[in-house]
Protein backbone atom coordinates (compact mmCIF):
# COMPACT_ATOMS: atom_id res chain seq x y z
CA MET A 1 84.43 117.03 94.32
CA GLU A 2 86.53 117.45 97.46
CA ILE A 3 88.88 114.68 98.59
CA HIS A 4 86.76 113.90 101.65
CA GLU A 5 83.68 113.55 99.42
CA LEU A 6 85.53 111.17 97.11
CA GLN A 7 86.73 109.11 100.06
CA SER A 8 83.16 108.88 101.34
CA VAL A 9 81.80 107.84 97.93
CA ILE A 10 84.53 105.23 97.49
CA ALA A 11 83.88 103.87 101.00
CA ARG A 12 80.14 103.58 100.36
CA THR A 13 80.60 102.11 96.89
CA TYR A 14 83.50 99.72 97.39
CA GLY A 15 84.15 99.58 101.14
CA ALA A 16 82.75 96.10 101.74
CA GLN A 17 84.62 94.66 98.76
CA ASP A 18 87.82 96.43 99.77
CA ARG A 19 87.63 95.12 103.35
CA GLU A 20 87.00 91.59 102.08
CA ARG A 21 89.91 91.87 99.62
CA GLY A 22 92.22 93.37 102.26
CA VAL A 23 95.03 95.89 102.15
CA ASP A 24 97.63 93.71 100.41
CA ALA A 25 95.38 92.72 97.50
CA THR A 26 93.99 96.25 97.19
CA PHE A 27 97.55 97.55 97.04
CA GLY A 28 98.20 95.08 94.23
CA TRP A 29 95.29 96.51 92.25
CA PHE A 30 96.59 100.03 92.92
CA VAL A 31 100.05 99.12 91.59
CA GLU A 32 98.48 97.54 88.51
CA GLU A 33 96.58 100.77 87.85
CA VAL A 34 99.79 102.79 88.24
CA GLY A 35 101.32 100.57 85.55
CA GLU A 36 98.34 101.23 83.29
CA LEU A 37 98.75 104.97 83.91
CA SER A 38 102.43 104.73 82.98
CA ARG A 39 101.53 103.02 79.72
CA ALA A 40 98.82 105.57 78.97
CA ILE A 41 101.19 108.49 79.56
CA ARG A 42 103.82 107.02 77.27
CA ARG A 43 101.73 105.47 74.52
CA GLU A 44 98.11 106.55 74.56
CA GLY A 45 96.02 109.66 74.10
CA HIS A 46 94.44 112.07 76.54
CA PRO A 47 91.12 110.18 76.97
CA GLU A 48 92.95 107.02 78.08
CA ARG A 49 95.18 109.05 80.41
CA VAL A 50 92.11 110.58 82.06
CA VAL A 51 90.66 107.12 82.72
CA GLU A 52 93.92 105.86 84.23
CA PHE A 53 94.51 108.96 86.39
CA THR A 54 91.03 108.61 87.87
CA ASP A 55 91.47 104.87 88.39
CA VAL A 56 94.76 105.43 90.23
CA LEU A 57 93.14 108.07 92.43
CA ALA A 58 90.18 105.81 93.24
CA TRP A 59 92.44 102.90 94.24
CA LEU A 60 94.63 105.24 96.32
CA VAL A 61 91.53 106.50 98.12
CA SER A 62 90.41 102.89 98.69
CA LEU A 63 93.76 102.12 100.31
CA ALA A 64 93.58 105.22 102.48
CA GLU A 65 90.12 104.22 103.66
CA LEU A 66 91.30 100.69 104.49
CA CYS A 67 94.25 102.12 106.43
CA ASP A 68 92.11 104.72 108.30
CA VAL A 69 93.85 107.68 106.68
CA ASP A 70 91.82 110.87 106.27
CA LEU A 71 93.36 111.97 102.98
CA ASP A 72 91.64 115.35 102.92
CA GLY A 73 92.88 116.34 106.36
CA GLU A 74 96.33 114.85 105.99
CA VAL A 75 96.98 116.36 102.56
CA ALA A 76 95.89 119.76 103.88
CA ARG A 77 98.10 119.36 106.95
CA ARG A 78 101.14 118.20 105.00
CA TYR A 79 100.91 120.35 101.85
CA GLY A 80 98.60 123.21 102.88
CA ASP A 81 101.46 125.70 103.22
CA GLY A 82 103.37 124.47 100.18
CA CYS A 83 106.44 122.30 100.42
CA PRO A 84 106.33 120.13 103.57
CA LYS A 85 110.04 120.76 104.17
CA CYS A 86 110.41 124.52 103.64
CA GLN A 87 106.70 125.52 103.81
CA ALA A 88 107.16 127.67 100.69
CA ALA A 89 105.35 127.72 97.36
CA PRO A 90 107.20 127.52 95.12
CA CYS A 91 109.60 125.28 96.99
CA VAL A 92 112.90 126.91 97.96
CA CYS A 93 114.60 123.80 99.34
CA GLY A 94 117.08 123.89 96.50
CA VAL A 95 117.37 123.05 92.87
CA ARG A 96 115.78 119.75 92.06
CA ASP A 97 116.54 117.43 89.19
CA PRO A 98 113.38 117.80 87.05
CA THR A 99 113.67 114.18 85.92
CA ARG A 100 113.28 112.84 89.50
CA PRO A 101 110.09 112.88 91.58
């Protein structure tokens, strides 16, 4: 599934609920899911991690839809050539600390 397809499915499936809930509350759910993903990465097995990764992605897509962000187009624009700073893949901006995002 392409990102634009996922955004369309999420909008059709949850759009009315998301609009009623609003951006702030939807962001709260997203953050909660990120916490669940963190726990799954540290303490649980692969099946639980898969569930949490997909939940985080779905909530992120819901937020993007609420904020009128075309994730597919914007991700392609920003990361389509590799690193958004140096436009290289792999990044040649310098040595990064692998423990930091």
